[in-house]
Amino acid sequence: MNNALKKGLGFGLSSAVIATLAIIVGMHAGTDLKHAVVSAVLVIAFADSLADSLAVYFSEKEGNAEKTVLLTTATAFFTKLIFALTFLIPIFIFNLHMAIWIDIIYGAIILIIYSFNLAKSTHKDILKTIVLHILLAVVVISASHGIGVIINNLYH
C-alpha cells in the first residue's frame, strides 16, 4: 500500500474510533439524550474530519510532493468521515445505553485489527502495540466520560 494512503488511513481510522467513542461516552454521561449524541457524532464526522485532514495537510506539506500530501489528506478525511458515521448505526437501532456498549466493542475491534496490522508491518511487538493503543483509547474515553459526569452534576 502507498505510504500516503497508509498515513491517511491510520490517522483517519484511529482518530475516528477514539474521538467518536470519546464524544459518544462523554455526551451520554453529560446529557443521556440520544439526539445530542447523534448531533455530536455528526459534528465529529464532518467538522472534526475536515479539521483533522487540514492539520494533516499542513503537517505533511513540508518536504512532500503536493500529490502525496493531497492523497494523505483526502484519505484521512474520508476514512474518519466514513468510520465516524458507522458509529451511528447502533445508536439508531438500539437504546442509547446498549448502543454505546456495541460501539465500544466495535471500536475496540477496529483498534485491535489496525494495531495488529501496524505492528506486523513495522515489525513491532504485536501485543504491546495493541495494549498501548487500547490503553490510550481507554484514557481518552475515560476522561471524556469524567467530563460528561462533571457537566451533568453541575447542571442538574
C-alpha atoms as a PDB file:
ATOM      1  CA  MET A   1       0.000   0.000   0.000  1.00  0.00           C
ATOM      2  CA  ASN A   2       1.179   3.502  -0.837  1.00  0.00           C
ATOM      3  CA  ASN A   3       2.769   5.336   2.129  1.00  0.00           C
ATOM      4  CA  ALA A   4       0.453   8.344   1.683  1.00  0.00           C
ATOM      5  CA  LEU A   5      -2.562   6.036   1.836  1.00  0.00           C
ATOM      6  CA  LYS A   6      -1.188   4.269   4.928  1.00  0.00           C
ATOM      7  CA  LYS A   7      -0.684   7.575   6.743  1.00  0.00           C
ATOM      8  CA  GLY A   8      -4.125   8.888   5.877  1.00  0.00           C
ATOM      9  CA  LEU A   9      -5.836   5.613   6.689  1.00  0.00           C
ATOM     10  CA  GLY A  10      -4.013   5.209  10.002  1.00  0.00           C
ATOM     11  CA  PHE A  11      -4.676   8.758  11.088  1.00  0.00           C
ATOM     12  CA  GLY A  12      -8.302   8.774   9.973  1.00  0.00           C
ATOM     13  CA  LEU A  13      -9.110   5.377  11.429  1.00  0.00           C
ATOM     14  CA  SER A  14      -7.540   5.912  14.839  1.00  0.00           C
ATOM     15  CA  SER A  15      -8.942   9.426  15.127  1.00  0.00           C
ATOM     16  CA  ALA A  16     -12.422   8.272  14.078  1.00  0.00           C
ATOM     17  CA  VAL A  17     -12.522   5.500  16.653  1.00  0.00           C
ATOM     18  CA  ILE A  18     -11.060   7.385  19.596  1.00  0.00           C
ATOM     19  CA  ALA A  19     -12.694  10.783  19.015  1.00  0.00           C
ATOM     20  CA  THR A  20     -16.097   9.331  18.177  1.00  0.00           C
ATOM     21  CA  LEU A  21     -16.152   6.980  21.157  1.00  0.00           C
ATOM     22  CA  ALA A  22     -14.972   9.791  23.421  1.00  0.00           C
ATOM     23  CA  ILE A  23     -17.747  12.105  22.255  1.00  0.00           C
ATOM     24  CA  ILE A  24     -20.404   9.377  22.479  1.00  0.00           C
ATOM     25  CA  VAL A  25     -19.407   8.340  26.004  1.00  0.00           C
ATOM     26  CA  GLY A  26     -18.903  11.929  27.188  1.00  0.00           C
ATOM     27  CA  MET A  27     -22.183  13.185  25.760  1.00  0.00           C
ATOM     28  CA  HIS A  28     -24.074  10.219  27.170  1.00  0.00           C
ATOM     29  CA  ALA A  29     -22.622  10.895  30.634  1.00  0.00           C
ATOM     30  CA  GLY A  30     -23.417  14.599  30.315  1.00  0.00           C
ATOM     31  CA  THR A  31     -26.893  14.515  28.812  1.00  0.00           C
ATOM     32  CA  ASP A  32     -28.194  10.962  28.261  1.00  0.00           C
ATOM     33  CA  LEU A  33     -30.056  12.384  25.235  1.00  0.00           C
ATOM     34  CA  LYS A  34     -29.925  10.343  22.037  1.00  0.00           C
ATOM     35  CA  HIS A  35     -30.347  13.375  19.767  1.00  0.00           C
ATOM     36  CA  ALA A  36     -27.468  15.185  21.496  1.00  0.00           C
ATOM     37  CA  VAL A  37     -25.191  12.175  20.992  1.00  0.00           C
ATOM     38  CA  VAL A  38     -26.219  11.882  17.330  1.00  0.00           C
ATOM     39  CA  SER A  39     -25.565  15.602  16.793  1.00  0.00           C
ATOM     40  CA  ALA A  40     -22.140  15.337  18.414  1.00  0.00           C
ATOM     41  CA  VAL A  41     -21.201  12.330  16.257  1.00  0.00           C
ATOM     42  CA  LEU A  42     -22.248  14.226  13.129  1.00  0.00           C
ATOM     43  CA  VAL A  43     -20.032  17.140  14.165  1.00  0.00           C
ATOM     44  CA  ILE A  44     -17.115  14.752  14.726  1.00  0.00           C
ATOM     45  CA  ALA A  45     -17.795  13.071  11.392  1.00  0.00           C
ATOM     46  CA  PHE A  46     -17.899  16.249   9.336  1.00  0.00           C
ATOM     47  CA  ALA A  47     -16.281  19.211  11.084  1.00  0.00           C
ATOM     48  CA  ASP A  48     -13.604  17.344  13.006  1.00  0.00           C
ATOM     49  CA  SER A  49     -12.758  15.186   9.975  1.00  0.00           C
ATOM     50  CA  LEU A  50     -12.204  18.316   7.946  1.00  0.00           C
ATOM     51  CA  ALA A  51     -10.184  19.987  10.706  1.00  0.00           C
ATOM     52  CA  ASP A  52      -8.034  16.887  11.202  1.00  0.00           C
ATOM     53  CA  SER A  53      -7.424  16.470   7.486  1.00  0.00           C
ATOM     54  CA  LEU A  54      -6.357  20.115   7.226  1.00  0.00           C
ATOM     55  CA  ALA A  55      -3.935  19.518  10.099  1.00  0.00           C
ATOM     56  CA  VAL A  56      -2.581  16.507   8.204  1.00  0.00           C
ATOM     57  CA  TYR A  57      -2.278  18.662   5.087  1.00  0.00           C
ATOM     58  CA  PHE A  58      -0.312  21.384   6.885  1.00  0.00           C
ATOM     59  CA  SER A  59       1.954  18.931   8.705  1.00  0.00           C
ATOM     60  CA  GLU A  60       2.664  16.864   5.582  1.00  0.00           C
ATOM     61  CA  LYS A  61       3.128  19.828   3.240  1.00  0.00           C
ATOM     62  CA  GLU A  62       6.692  20.469   4.386  1.00  0.00           C
ATOM     63  CA  GLY A  63       9.023  18.490   2.163  1.00  0.00           C
ATOM     64  CA  ASN A  64       6.447  16.269   0.444  1.00  0.00           C
ATOM     65  CA  ALA A  65       5.121  16.349  -3.099  1.00  0.00           C
ATOM     66  CA  GLU A  66       1.740  18.057  -3.453  1.00  0.00           C
ATOM     67  CA  LYS A  67       0.121  14.927  -4.916  1.00  0.00           C
ATOM     68  CA  THR A  68       1.302  12.833  -1.947  1.00  0.00           C
ATOM     69  CA  VAL A  69       0.074  15.428   0.544  1.00  0.00           C
ATOM     70  CA  LEU A  70      -3.331  15.636  -1.119  1.00  0.00           C
ATOM     71  CA  LEU A  71      -3.678  11.848  -1.142  1.00  0.00           C
ATOM     72  CA  THR A  72      -2.830  11.614   2.565  1.00  0.00           C
ATOM     73  CA  THR A  73      -5.217  14.478   3.352  1.00  0.00           C
ATOM     74  CA  ALA A  74      -8.108  13.054   1.336  1.00  0.00           C
ATOM     75  CA  THR A  75      -7.589   9.566   2.739  1.00  0.00           C
ATOM     76  CA  ALA A  76      -7.553  10.894   6.316  1.00  0.00           C
ATOM     77  CA  PHE A  77     -10.726  12.915   5.701  1.00  0.00           C
ATOM     78  CA  PHE A  78     -12.769  10.178   4.072  1.00  0.00           C
ATOM     79  CA  THR A  79     -11.568   7.457   6.445  1.00  0.00           C
ATOM     80  CA  LYS A  80     -12.505   9.477   9.513  1.00  0.00           C
ATOM     81  CA  LEU A  81     -15.786  10.641   7.990  1.00  0.00           C
ATOM     82  CA  ILE A  82     -16.939   7.163   6.987  1.00  0.00           C
ATOM     83  CA  PHE A  83     -15.805   5.370  10.133  1.00  0.00           C
ATOM     84  CA  ALA A  84     -17.212   8.047  12.454  1.00  0.00           C
ATOM     85  CA  LEU A  85     -20.592   7.749  10.733  1.00  0.00           C
ATOM     86  CA  THR A  86     -20.632   3.961  11.222  1.00  0.00           C
ATOM     87  CA  PHE A  87     -20.849   4.520  14.977  1.00  0.00           C
ATOM     88  CA  LEU A  88     -24.338   5.960  14.431  1.00  0.00           C
ATOM     89  CA  ILE A  89     -25.765   2.648  13.223  1.00  0.00           C
ATOM     90  CA  PRO A  90     -26.123   1.061  16.693  1.00  0.00           C
ATOM     91  CA  ILE A  91     -27.445   4.362  18.070  1.00  0.00           C
ATOM     92  CA  PHE A  92     -30.256   4.348  15.507  1.00  0.00           C
ATOM     93  CA  ILE A  93     -31.083   0.677  16.111  1.00  0.00           C
ATOM     94  CA  PHE A  94     -30.755   0.196  19.886  1.00  0.00           C
ATOM     95  CA  ASN A  95     -31.412   2.189  23.027  1.00  0.00           C
ATOM     96  CA  LEU A  96     -28.558   4.568  23.797  1.00  0.00           C
ATOM     97  CA  HIS A  97     -27.052   2.555  26.646  1.00  0.00           C
ATOM     98  CA  MET A  98     -26.887  -0.663  24.600  1.00  0.00           C
ATOM     99  CA  ALA A  99     -25.655   1.221  21.517  1.00  0.00           C
ATOM    100  CA  ILE A 100     -22.749   2.686  23.458  1.00  0.00           C
ATOM    101  CA  TRP A 101     -21.577  -0.759  24.556  1.00  0.00           C
ATOM    102  CA  ILE A 102     -21.886  -2.042  20.999  1.00  0.00           C
ATOM    103  CA  ASP A 103     -19.901   0.982  19.754  1.00  0.00           C
ATOM    104  CA  ILE A 104     -17.195   0.430  22.374  1.00  0.00           C
ATOM    105  CA  ILE A 105     -16.798  -3.198  21.330  1.00  0.00           C
ATOM    106  CA  TYR A 106     -16.865  -2.231  17.635  1.00  0.00           C
ATOM    107  CA  GLY A 107     -14.243   0.485  18.235  1.00  0.00           C
ATOM    108  CA  ALA A 108     -12.027  -1.874  20.209  1.00  0.00           C
ATOM    109  CA  ILE A 109     -12.167  -4.430  17.398  1.00  0.00           C
ATOM    110  CA  ILE A 110     -11.187  -1.778  14.837  1.00  0.00           C
ATOM    111  CA  LEU A 111      -8.276  -0.606  17.006  1.00  0.00           C
ATOM    112  CA  ILE A 112      -7.096  -4.155  17.622  1.00  0.00           C
ATOM    113  CA  ILE A 113      -7.143  -5.006  13.905  1.00  0.00           C
ATOM    114  CA  TYR A 114      -5.411  -1.741  12.990  1.00  0.00           C
ATOM    115  CA  SER A 115      -2.817  -2.157  15.767  1.00  0.00           C
ATOM    116  CA  PHE A 116      -2.147  -5.757  14.758  1.00  0.00           C
ATOM    117  CA  ASN A 117      -1.564  -4.769  11.118  1.00  0.00           C
ATOM    118  CA  LEU A 118       0.570  -1.775  12.100  1.00  0.00           C
ATOM    119  CA  ALA A 119       2.752  -3.837  14.426  1.00  0.00           C
ATOM    120  CA  LYS A 120       3.132  -6.557  11.841  1.00  0.00           C
ATOM    121  CA  SER A 121       4.108  -4.140   9.060  1.00  0.00           C
ATOM    122  CA  THR A 122       6.599  -2.256  11.277  1.00  0.00           C
ATOM    123  CA  HIS A 123       7.998  -5.412  12.917  1.00  0.00           C
ATOM    124  CA  LYS A 124       6.971  -4.254  16.402  1.00  0.00           C
ATOM    125  CA  ASP A 125       5.692  -6.422  19.233  1.00  0.00           C
ATOM    126  CA  ILE A 126       2.040  -7.094  18.350  1.00  0.00           C
ATOM    127  CA  LEU A 127       0.715  -7.499  21.891  1.00  0.00           C
ATOM    128  CA  LYS A 128       2.495  -4.371  23.176  1.00  0.00           C
ATOM    129  CA  THR A 129       1.183  -2.321  20.252  1.00  0.00           C
ATOM    130  CA  ILE A 130      -2.393  -3.497  20.764  1.00  0.00           C
ATOM    131  CA  VAL A 131      -2.286  -2.964  24.533  1.00  0.00           C
ATOM    132  CA  LEU A 132      -0.772   0.512  24.138  1.00  0.00           C
ATOM    133  CA  HIS A 133      -3.371   1.634  21.586  1.00  0.00           C
ATOM    134  CA  ILE A 134      -6.284   0.238  23.597  1.00  0.00           C
ATOM    135  CA  LEU A 135      -4.903   1.799  26.784  1.00  0.00           C
ATOM    136  CA  LEU A 136      -4.574   5.209  25.129  1.00  0.00           C
ATOM    137  CA  ALA A 137      -8.139   4.948  23.837  1.00  0.00           C
ATOM    138  CA  VAL A 138      -9.376   3.997  27.319  1.00  0.00           C
ATOM    139  CA  VAL A 139      -7.630   7.035  28.830  1.00  0.00           C
ATOM    140  CA  VAL A 140      -9.205   9.437  26.314  1.00  0.00           C
ATOM    141  CA  ILE A 141     -12.654   7.866  26.576  1.00  0.00           C
ATOM    142  CA  SER A 142     -12.497   7.757  30.391  1.00  0.00           C
ATOM    143  CA  ALA A 143     -11.504  11.420  30.537  1.00  0.00           C
ATOM    144  CA  SER A 144     -14.441  12.286  28.280  1.00  0.00           C
ATOM    145  CA  HIS A 145     -16.776  10.276  30.480  1.00  0.00           C
ATOM    146  CA  GLY A 146     -15.461  12.106  33.537  1.00  0.00           C
ATOM    147  CA  ILE A 147     -16.037  15.472  31.887  1.00  0.00           C
ATOM    148  CA  GLY A 148     -19.584  14.422  30.996  1.00  0.00           C
ATOM    149  CA  VAL A 149     -20.274  13.379  34.578  1.00  0.00           C
ATOM    150  CA  ILE A 150     -18.925  16.695  35.911  1.00  0.00           C
ATOM    151  CA  ILE A 151     -21.042  18.691  33.459  1.00  0.00           C
ATOM    152  CA  ASN A 152     -24.113  16.613  34.299  1.00  0.00           C
ATOM    153  CA  ASN A 153     -23.562  17.224  38.023  1.00  0.00           C
ATOM    154  CA  LEU A 154     -23.076  20.954  37.523  1.00  0.00           C
ATOM    155  CA  TYR A 155     -26.289  21.438  35.570  1.00  0.00           C
ATOM    156  CA  HIS A 156     -28.659  19.032  37.312  1.00  0.00           C
END
